[in-house]
C-alpha atoms as a PDB file:
ATOM      1  CA  MET A   1      93.138  -4.840 348.610  1.00  0.00           C
ATOM      2  CA  LEU A   2      93.242  -8.611 348.954  1.00  0.00           C
ATOM      3  CA  ILE A   3      91.112 -10.743 346.639  1.00  0.00           C
ATOM      4  CA  VAL A   4      90.572 -14.419 347.441  1.00  0.00           C
ATOM      5  CA  GLY A   5      89.271 -16.426 344.496  1.00  0.00           C
ATOM      6  CA  GLU A   6      86.360 -18.476 345.834  1.00  0.00           C
ATOM      7  CA  LEU A   7      85.647 -20.926 343.000  1.00  0.00           C
ATOM      8  CA  ILE A   8      87.510 -24.086 344.072  1.00  0.00           C
ATOM      9  CA  ASN A   9      84.897 -25.210 346.560  1.00  0.00           C
ATOM     10  CA  THR A  10      83.250 -28.629 346.417  1.00  0.00           C
ATOM     11  CA  SER A  11      79.911 -27.147 347.468  1.00  0.00           C
ATOM     12  CA  ARG A  12      79.722 -25.776 343.908  1.00  0.00           C
ATOM     13  CA  LYS A  13      77.974 -28.034 341.410  1.00  0.00           C
ATOM     14  CA  ALA A  14      80.725 -27.943 338.790  1.00  0.00           C
ATOM     15  CA  ILE A  15      83.540 -28.475 341.262  1.00  0.00           C
ATOM     16  CA  LYS A  16      82.463 -31.507 343.248  1.00  0.00           C
ATOM     17  CA  PRO A  17      82.454 -34.002 340.322  1.00  0.00           C
ATOM     18  CA  ALA A  18      85.762 -32.626 339.045  1.00  0.00           C
ATOM     19  CA  VAL A  19      87.317 -33.240 342.457  1.00  0.00           C
ATOM     20  CA  GLU A  20      85.714 -36.651 342.851  1.00  0.00           C
ATOM     21  CA  ASN A  21      87.080 -37.680 339.443  1.00  0.00           C
ATOM     22  CA  ARG A  22      90.488 -36.130 340.232  1.00  0.00           C
ATOM     23  CA  ASP A  23      90.246 -33.957 337.117  1.00  0.00           C
ATOM     24  CA  ALA A  24      93.520 -32.110 337.597  1.00  0.00           C
ATOM     25  CA  VAL A  25      93.290 -30.229 334.306  1.00  0.00           C
ATOM     26  CA  PHE A  26      89.908 -28.715 335.236  1.00  0.00           C
ATOM     27  CA  ILE A  27      91.057 -27.647 338.710  1.00  0.00           C
ATOM     28  CA  GLN A  28      94.365 -26.252 337.476  1.00  0.00           C
ATOM     29  CA  ASP A  29      92.664 -24.300 334.700  1.00  0.00           C
ATOM     30  CA  LEU A  30      90.243 -22.763 337.191  1.00  0.00           C
ATOM     31  CA  ALA A  31      93.082 -21.830 339.539  1.00  0.00           C
ATOM     32  CA  GLU A  32      95.056 -20.222 336.701  1.00  0.00           C
ATOM     33  CA  LYS A  33      92.026 -18.287 335.461  1.00  0.00           C
ATOM     34  CA  GLN A  34      91.318 -16.875 338.927  1.00  0.00           C
ATOM     35  CA  VAL A  35      94.907 -15.712 339.405  1.00  0.00           C
ATOM     36  CA  GLY A  36      94.976 -14.298 335.900  1.00  0.00           C
ATOM     37  CA  ALA A  37      91.777 -12.377 336.627  1.00  0.00           C
ATOM     38  CA  GLY A  38      93.259 -10.688 339.695  1.00  0.00           C
ATOM     39  CA  ALA A  39      92.992 -13.095 342.636  1.00  0.00           C
ATOM     40  CA  ASP A  40      95.798 -12.692 345.180  1.00  0.00           C
ATOM     41  CA  TYR A  41      94.901 -15.964 346.930  1.00  0.00           C
ATOM     42  CA  VAL A  42      93.172 -19.123 345.760  1.00  0.00           C
ATOM     43  CA  ASP A  43      90.646 -20.531 348.213  1.00  0.00           C
ATOM     44  CA  VAL A  44      90.730 -24.323 348.646  1.00  0.00           C
ATOM     45  CA  ASN A  45      87.601 -25.789 350.199  1.00  0.00           C
ATOM     46  CA  CYS A  46      86.574 -29.451 350.081  1.00  0.00           C
ATOM     47  CA  GLY A  47      84.485 -29.408 353.240  1.00  0.00           C
ATOM     48  CA  THR A  48      81.650 -31.378 351.650  1.00  0.00           C
ATOM     49  CA  MET A  49      83.984 -34.371 351.225  1.00  0.00           C
ATOM     50  CA  VAL A  50      83.364 -35.415 354.804  1.00  0.00           C
ATOM     51  CA  PHE A  51      84.617 -38.989 354.460  1.00  0.00           C
ATOM     52  CA  ASN A  52      87.954 -38.192 352.812  1.00  0.00           C
ATOM     53  CA  GLU A  53      88.463 -34.457 353.286  1.00  0.00           C
ATOM     54  CA  GLU A  54      92.081 -34.680 354.400  1.00  0.00           C
ATOM     55  CA  GLU A  55      93.091 -36.811 351.423  1.00  0.00           C
ATOM     56  CA  THR A  56      91.141 -34.543 349.078  1.00  0.00           C
ATOM     57  CA  MET A  57      92.693 -31.414 350.555  1.00  0.00           C
ATOM     58  CA  ALA A  58      96.169 -32.832 349.958  1.00  0.00           C
ATOM     59  CA  TRP A  59      95.326 -33.645 346.338  1.00  0.00           C
ATOM     60  CA  LEU A  60      93.855 -30.197 345.709  1.00  0.00           C
ATOM     61  CA  VAL A  61      96.762 -28.286 347.228  1.00  0.00           C
ATOM     62  CA  GLU A  62      99.375 -30.290 345.338  1.00  0.00           C
ATOM     63  CA  THR A  63      97.400 -30.130 342.087  1.00  0.00           C
ATOM     64  CA  ILE A  64      96.858 -26.369 342.241  1.00  0.00           C
ATOM     65  CA  GLN A  65     100.487 -25.653 343.114  1.00  0.00           C
ATOM     66  CA  GLU A  66     101.679 -27.504 340.032  1.00  0.00           C
ATOM     67  CA  LYS A  67     100.309 -24.609 337.970  1.00  0.00           C
ATOM     68  CA  VAL A  68     100.044 -21.460 340.082  1.00  0.00           C
ATOM     69  CA  THR A  69     102.419 -19.702 342.448  1.00  0.00           C
ATOM     70  CA  ALA A  70      99.777 -17.616 344.244  1.00  0.00           C
ATOM     71  CA  PRO A  71      99.403 -18.448 347.948  1.00  0.00           C
ATOM     72  CA  LEU A  72      96.455 -20.517 349.119  1.00  0.00           C
ATOM     73  CA  CYS A  73      93.610 -19.868 351.524  1.00  0.00           C
ATOM     74  CA  ILE A  74      92.970 -23.163 353.290  1.00  0.00           C
ATOM     75  CA  ASP A  75      89.258 -23.212 354.023  1.00  0.00           C
ATOM     76  CA  SER A  76      87.676 -25.890 356.205  1.00  0.00           C
ATOM     77  CA  PRO A  77      85.693 -26.450 359.403  1.00  0.00           C
ATOM     78  CA  ASN A  78      88.042 -29.390 360.076  1.00  0.00           C
ATOM     79  CA  PRO A  79      91.334 -28.440 361.777  1.00  0.00           C
ATOM     80  CA  LYS A  80      92.949 -31.695 360.600  1.00  0.00           C
ATOM     81  CA  ALA A  81      92.182 -30.858 356.979  1.00  0.00           C
ATOM     82  CA  ILE A  82      93.506 -27.347 357.520  1.00  0.00           C
ATOM     83  CA  GLU A  83      96.805 -28.715 358.817  1.00  0.00           C
ATOM     84  CA  VAL A  84      97.132 -31.083 355.873  1.00  0.00           C
ATOM     85  CA  GLY A  85      96.697 -28.161 353.494  1.00  0.00           C
ATOM     86  CA  LEU A  86      99.106 -25.914 355.379  1.00  0.00           C
ATOM     87  CA  SER A  87     101.765 -28.618 355.588  1.00  0.00           C
ATOM     88  CA  LEU A  88     101.807 -28.809 351.791  1.00  0.00           C
ATOM     89  CA  ALA A  89     101.446 -25.100 351.009  1.00  0.00           C
ATOM     90  CA  LYS A  90     104.691 -23.766 349.591  1.00  0.00           C
ATOM     91  CA  ASN A  91     103.901 -20.467 347.849  1.00  0.00           C
ATOM     92  CA  GLY A  92     104.018 -17.302 349.928  1.00  0.00           C
ATOM     93  CA  GLN A  93     102.202 -16.846 353.224  1.00  0.00           C
ATOM     94  CA  PRO A  94      99.132 -19.102 353.471  1.00  0.00           C
ATOM     95  CA  MET A  95      95.820 -18.013 354.925  1.00  0.00           C
ATOM     96  CA  ILE A  96      93.385 -19.947 357.115  1.00  0.00           C
ATOM     97  CA  ASN A  97      89.638 -19.552 356.752  1.00  0.00           C
ATOM     98  CA  SER A  98      88.723 -19.396 359.583  1.00  0.00           C
ATOM     99  CA  ILE A  99      88.898 -18.920 363.334  1.00  0.00           C
ATOM    100  CA  THR A 100      86.148 -17.625 365.632  1.00  0.00           C
ATOM    101  CA  ALA A 101      85.902 -16.501 369.239  1.00  0.00           C
ATOM    102  CA  GLU A 102      84.168 -19.788 370.060  1.00  0.00           C
ATOM    103  CA  LYS A 103      86.387 -21.423 372.672  1.00  0.00           C
ATOM    104  CA  GLU A 104      86.829 -24.800 370.984  1.00  0.00           C
ATOM    105  CA  ARG A 105      87.396 -23.374 367.497  1.00  0.00           C
ATOM    106  CA  PHE A 106      89.818 -20.744 368.749  1.00  0.00           C
ATOM    107  CA  ASN A 107      91.867 -23.218 370.757  1.00  0.00           C
ATOM    108  CA  THR A 108      92.169 -25.710 367.892  1.00  0.00           C
ATOM    109  CA  VAL A 109      92.943 -23.245 365.086  1.00  0.00           C
ATOM    110  CA  LEU A 110      95.266 -20.814 366.904  1.00  0.00           C
ATOM    111  CA  PRO A 111      98.140 -23.333 367.152  1.00  0.00           C
ATOM    112  CA  LEU A 112      97.999 -23.758 363.357  1.00  0.00           C
ATOM    113  CA  VAL A 113      98.135 -19.992 362.825  1.00  0.00           C
ATOM    114  CA  LEU A 114     101.244 -19.788 364.999  1.00  0.00           C
ATOM    115  CA  LYS A 115     102.928 -22.941 363.680  1.00  0.00           C
ATOM    116  CA  TYR A 116     102.586 -22.005 360.019  1.00  0.00           C
ATOM    117  CA  LYS A 117     102.698 -18.190 360.480  1.00  0.00           C
ATOM    118  CA  THR A 118      99.546 -17.690 358.448  1.00  0.00           C
ATOM    119  CA  LYS A 119      97.165 -14.893 357.761  1.00  0.00           C
ATOM    120  CA  ILE A 120      93.886 -15.618 359.523  1.00  0.00           C
ATOM    121  CA  VAL A 121      90.251 -14.892 358.715  1.00  0.00           C
ATOM    122  CA  ALA A 122      88.578 -14.239 362.072  1.00  0.00           C
ATOM    123  CA  LEU A 123      84.790 -14.472 362.106  1.00  0.00           C
ATOM    124  CA  CYS A 124      82.980 -12.149 364.504  1.00  0.00           C
ATOM    125  CA  MET A 125      81.145 -15.012 366.195  1.00  0.00           C
ATOM    126  CA  ASP A 126      81.424 -16.504 369.673  1.00  0.00           C
ATOM    127  CA  ASP A 127      79.777 -19.165 371.794  1.00  0.00           C
ATOM    128  CA  SER A 128      76.657 -17.033 372.173  1.00  0.00           C
ATOM    129  CA  GLY A 129      75.948 -17.506 368.462  1.00  0.00           C
ATOM    130  CA  MET A 130      75.645 -15.254 365.436  1.00  0.00           C
ATOM    131  CA  PRO A 131      75.713 -11.553 366.355  1.00  0.00           C
ATOM    132  CA  GLU A 132      72.773  -9.349 365.390  1.00  0.00           C
ATOM    133  CA  THR A 133      74.024  -5.805 365.882  1.00  0.00           C
ATOM    134  CA  ALA A 134      77.163  -3.862 365.076  1.00  0.00           C
ATOM    135  CA  GLU A 135      77.719  -3.500 368.823  1.00  0.00           C
ATOM    136  CA  ASP A 136      77.731  -7.274 369.236  1.00  0.00           C
ATOM    137  CA  ARG A 137      80.150  -7.702 366.344  1.00  0.00           C
ATOM    138  CA  LEU A 138      82.522  -5.042 367.644  1.00  0.00           C
ATOM    139  CA  ARG A 139      82.555  -6.624 371.091  1.00  0.00           C
ATOM    140  CA  ILE A 140      83.623  -9.944 369.541  1.00  0.00           C
ATOM    141  CA  ALA A 141      86.144  -8.185 367.283  1.00  0.00           C
ATOM    142  CA  ASP A 142      87.762  -6.624 370.362  1.00  0.00           C
ATOM    143  CA  ARG A 143      88.124 -10.055 371.924  1.00  0.00           C
ATOM    144  CA  LEU A 144      89.518 -11.647 368.771  1.00  0.00           C
ATOM    145  CA  VAL A 145      92.100  -8.932 368.203  1.00  0.00           C
ATOM    146  CA  ALA A 146      93.165  -8.977 371.846  1.00  0.00           C
ATOM    147  CA  ASP A 147      93.462 -12.769 372.038  1.00  0.00           C
ATOM    148  CA  LEU A 148      95.213 -13.154 368.682  1.00  0.00           C
ATOM    149  CA  THR A 149      97.750 -10.386 369.235  1.00  0.00           C
ATOM    150  CA  THR A 150      98.453 -11.546 372.794  1.00  0.00           C
ATOM    151  CA  ALA A 151      99.263 -14.961 371.330  1.00  0.00           C
ATOM    152  CA  GLY A 152     101.734 -13.340 368.933  1.00  0.00           C
ATOM    153  CA  VAL A 153      99.720 -12.884 365.732  1.00  0.00           C
ATOM    154  CA  PRO A 154     100.613  -9.565 364.034  1.00  0.00           C
ATOM    155  CA  GLU A 155      97.682  -7.211 363.473  1.00  0.00           C
ATOM    156  CA  ASP A 156      98.576  -7.094 359.772  1.00  0.00           C
ATOM    157  CA  ASP A 157      97.863 -10.839 359.513  1.00  0.00           C
ATOM    158  CA  ILE A 158      94.347 -10.570 360.982  1.00  0.00           C
ATOM    159  CA  TYR A 159      91.341 -10.317 358.636  1.00  0.00           C
ATOM    160  CA  LEU A 160      88.144  -9.737 360.594  1.00  0.00           C
ATOM    161  CA  ASP A 161      84.966 -10.992 358.940  1.00  0.00           C
ATOM    162  CA  PRO A 162      81.914  -9.055 360.206  1.00  0.00           C
ATOM    163  CA  LEU A 163      79.511 -11.875 359.212  1.00  0.00           C
ATOM    164  CA  VAL A 164      77.237 -10.767 356.387  1.00  0.00           C
ATOM    165  CA  LYS A 165      73.595 -11.796 356.762  1.00  0.00           C
ATOM    166  CA  PRO A 166      70.766 -11.636 354.205  1.00  0.00           C
ATOM    167  CA  VAL A 167      68.878  -8.364 354.023  1.00  0.00           C
ATOM    168  CA  SER A 168      65.886 -10.489 353.054  1.00  0.00           C
ATOM    169  CA  THR A 169      65.645 -11.656 356.669  1.00  0.00           C
ATOM    170  CA  GLY A 170      66.397  -8.338 358.324  1.00  0.00           C
ATOM    171  CA  ASP A 171      66.343  -4.946 356.637  1.00  0.00           C
ATOM    172  CA  LYS A 172      69.172  -3.592 358.814  1.00  0.00           C
ATOM    173  CA  ALA A 173      71.518  -6.539 358.135  1.00  0.00           C
ATOM    174  CA  GLY A 174      73.594  -4.624 355.605  1.00  0.00           C
ATOM    175  CA  LEU A 175      73.757  -1.484 357.724  1.00  0.00           C
ATOM    176  CA  GLU A 176      74.949  -3.419 360.776  1.00  0.00           C
ATOM    177  CA  VAL A 177      77.877  -4.775 358.748  1.00  0.00           C
ATOM    178  CA  LEU A 178      78.768  -1.331 357.389  1.00  0.00           C
ATOM    179  CA  GLU A 179      78.800   0.118 360.909  1.00  0.00           C
ATOM    180  CA  THR A 180      80.948  -2.801 362.088  1.00  0.00           C
ATOM    181  CA  ILE A 181      83.546  -2.260 359.376  1.00  0.00           C
ATOM    182  CA  TYR A 182      83.743   1.447 360.120  1.00  0.00           C
ATOM    183  CA  GLY A 183      84.155   0.764 363.834  1.00  0.00           C
ATOM    184  CA  ILE A 184      86.877  -1.826 363.308  1.00  0.00           C
ATOM    185  CA  LYS A 185      88.951   0.409 361.016  1.00  0.00           C
ATOM    186  CA  ALA A 186      88.612   3.340 363.392  1.00  0.00           C
ATOM    187  CA  LYS A 187      89.880   1.326 366.355  1.00  0.00           C
ATOM    188  CA  TYR A 188      92.310  -1.049 364.628  1.00  0.00           C
ATOM    189  CA  PRO A 189      93.760   0.646 361.539  1.00  0.00           C
ATOM    190  CA  LYS A 190      96.368  -2.102 361.034  1.00  0.00           C
ATOM    191  CA  VAL A 191      93.814  -4.921 361.159  1.00  0.00           C
ATOM    192  CA  HIS A 192      92.179  -5.900 357.874  1.00  0.00           C
ATOM    193  CA  GLY A 193      88.612  -6.754 356.966  1.00  0.00           C
ATOM    194  CA  ILE A 194      87.349  -9.476 354.677  1.00  0.00           C
ATOM    195  CA  CYS A 195      84.004 -10.974 353.745  1.00  0.00           C
ATOM    196  CA  GLY A 196      82.065 -12.906 351.187  1.00  0.00           C
ATOM    197  CA  LEU A 197      79.335 -10.834 349.569  1.00  0.00           C
ATOM    198  CA  SER A 198      76.746 -13.317 348.372  1.00  0.00           C
ATOM    199  CA  ASN A 199      74.982 -13.822 351.723  1.00  0.00           C
ATOM    200  CA  VAL A 200      73.645 -10.262 351.664  1.00  0.00           C
ATOM    201  CA  SER A 201      71.447 -10.992 348.624  1.00  0.00           C
ATOM    202  CA  TYR A 202      70.212 -14.461 349.575  1.00  0.00           C
ATOM    203  CA  GLY A 203      66.540 -14.981 348.775  1.00  0.00           C
ATOM    204  CA  LEU A 204      66.217 -11.915 346.549  1.00  0.00           C
ATOM    205  CA  PRO A 205      66.156 -11.442 342.758  1.00  0.00           C
ATOM    206  CA  ASN A 206      68.996  -9.836 340.768  1.00  0.00           C
ATOM    207  CA  ARG A 207      71.483 -10.925 343.397  1.00  0.00           C
ATOM    208  CA  LYS A 208      74.544  -9.728 341.481  1.00  0.00           C
ATOM    209  CA  THR A 209      73.342  -6.135 341.647  1.00  0.00           C
ATOM    210  CA  LEU A 210      73.000  -6.258 345.425  1.00  0.00           C
ATOM    211  CA  ASN A 211      76.370  -7.959 345.829  1.00  0.00           C
ATOM    212  CA  GLN A 212      78.121  -5.403 343.630  1.00  0.00           C
ATOM    213  CA  VAL A 213      76.602  -2.384 345.368  1.00  0.00           C
ATOM    214  CA  PHE A 214      77.354  -3.869 348.779  1.00  0.00           C
ATOM    215  CA  MET A 215      80.983  -4.349 347.788  1.00  0.00           C
ATOM    216  CA  ILE A 216      81.243  -0.643 346.934  1.00  0.00           C
ATOM    217  CA  GLN A 217      79.576   0.350 350.208  1.00  0.00           C
ATOM    218  CA  THR A 218      81.778  -1.899 352.342  1.00  0.00           C
ATOM    219  CA  MET A 219      84.945  -0.678 350.645  1.00  0.00           C
ATOM    220  CA  ALA A 220      83.929   2.918 351.382  1.00  0.00           C
ATOM    221  CA  MET A 221      83.668   1.938 355.071  1.00  0.00           C
ATOM    222  CA  GLY A 222      87.196   0.494 355.080  1.00  0.00           C
ATOM    223  CA  MET A 223      86.885  -3.131 353.926  1.00  0.00           C
ATOM    224  CA  ASP A 224      90.095  -4.205 352.203  1.00  0.00           C
ATOM    225  CA  GLY A 225      89.572  -7.888 351.459  1.00  0.00           C
ATOM    226  CA  TYR A 226      86.955  -9.986 349.665  1.00  0.00           C
ATOM    227  CA  ILE A 227      86.280 -13.634 348.987  1.00  0.00           C
ATOM    228  CA  LEU A 228      84.631 -13.500 345.576  1.00  0.00           C
ATOM    229  CA  ASP A 229      84.516 -14.751 341.992  1.00  0.00           C
ATOM    230  CA  PRO A 230      87.332 -12.903 340.200  1.00  0.00           C
ATOM    231  CA  LEU A 231      85.981 -14.122 336.849  1.00  0.00           C
ATOM    232  CA  ASP A 232      82.998 -11.793 337.336  1.00  0.00           C
ATOM    233  CA  LYS A 233      84.335  -8.898 335.259  1.00  0.00           C
ATOM    234  CA  THR A 234      81.653  -6.470 336.375  1.00  0.00           C
ATOM    235  CA  MET A 235      82.468  -7.082 340.036  1.00  0.00           C
ATOM    236  CA  MET A 236      86.195  -6.722 339.378  1.00  0.00           C
ATOM    237  CA  GLY A 237      85.509  -3.480 337.521  1.00  0.00           C
ATOM    238  CA  PHE A 238      83.842  -2.105 340.626  1.00  0.00           C
ATOM    239  CA  VAL A 239      86.814  -3.245 342.728  1.00  0.00           C
ATOM    240  CA  TYR A 240      89.333  -1.399 340.542  1.00  0.00           C
ATOM    241  CA  ALA A 241      87.114   1.677 340.177  1.00  0.00           C
ATOM    242  CA  SER A 242      86.445   1.891 343.919  1.00  0.00           C
ATOM    243  CA  LYS A 243      90.153   1.745 344.693  1.00  0.00           C
ATOM    244  CA  VAL A 244      90.749   4.666 342.332  1.00  0.00           C
ATOM    245  CA  LEU A 245      87.961   6.775 343.810  1.00  0.00           C
ATOM    246  CA  LEU A 246      89.057   6.050 347.394  1.00  0.00           C
ATOM    247  CA  GLY A 247      92.638   7.120 346.670  1.00  0.00           C
ATOM    248  CA  LYS A 248      94.025   3.579 346.978  1.00  0.00           C
ATOM    249  CA  ASP A 249      95.456   3.303 343.449  1.00  0.00           C
ATOM    250  CA  GLU A 250      98.314   5.747 342.894  1.00  0.00           C
ATOM    251  CA  PHE A 251      98.150   7.374 339.461  1.00  0.00           C
ATOM    252  CA  CYS A 252      95.324   4.917 338.626  1.00  0.00           C
ATOM    253  CA  LEU A 253      97.981   2.391 337.626  1.00  0.00           C
ATOM    254  CA  GLU A 254      96.096  -0.750 338.670  1.00  0.00           C
ATOM    255  CA  TYR A 255      92.914   0.503 337.027  1.00  0.00           C
ATOM    256  CA  LEU A 256      94.719   1.259 333.766  1.00  0.00           C
ATOM    257  CA  THR A 257      96.681  -2.002 333.772  1.00  0.00           C
ATOM    258  CA  ALA A 258      93.536  -4.034 334.399  1.00  0.00           C
ATOM    259  CA  HIS A 259      91.808  -2.138 331.582  1.00  0.00           C
ATOM    260  CA  ARG A 260      94.616  -2.917 329.137  1.00  0.00           C
ATOM    261  CA  ASN A 261      94.464  -6.572 330.157  1.00  0.00           C
ATOM    262  CA  GLY A 262      90.682  -6.770 329.769  1.00  0.00           C
ATOM    263  CA  LEU A 263      90.106  -7.765 333.376  1.00  0.00           C
ATOM    264  CA  TYR A 264      86.894  -5.821 333.902  1.00  0.00           C
ATOM    265  CA  GLU A 265      83.822  -4.528 332.128  1.00  0.00           C
END
């Protein structure tokens, strides 16, 4: 199970001013807390800083790495900003978020994946737009896996994102994702899955409840990666408990260790 801590993102109200003011202590503390809470990777996203994203990305990567040794997930729509982040990443194998099957995006991001030997989040989206059905998603997943592996990317480094949509705009949106995950794991057992959870609850009350239940459902279908808030102890409790119940935590060691360390409620 791979957990990417999502909190260092300038689209968040508390993060943008801290980044603008170059508040290193705030950013470093948040990075340390996420790793301490169970994050395997720290996401770094300053995509809202459109006029100085590359400079900001460099500052963030260097600032975070002064305090944590966890690898980074370099997250940007801008390939130049991604390369700046990757060029400075020095801890473990970095991850890129993300590539798609869209021709331009694929052709600009793939060289970075190969150059820096990264893990890669691959969104199930192509030039025809956002997929609606599980069938559409699986068709794009087939193309992504084929094109990435042909280029030399190991299956173990691929994290397919099935694109979670709000159930408030389509009552089958959650089910389509669950069917996609199941189909991907059945066909590509070495390929991983990853997603953010918050989109599924957009526009509805008590969003945390929906997100938490959806995490459990997706894990049961084979999902083994999440981009989430590791400081949410209830969510992390469901992560550890689900791993136990799915036979993915030998002798319940992770569950017990996390309990002793107070990492979940």
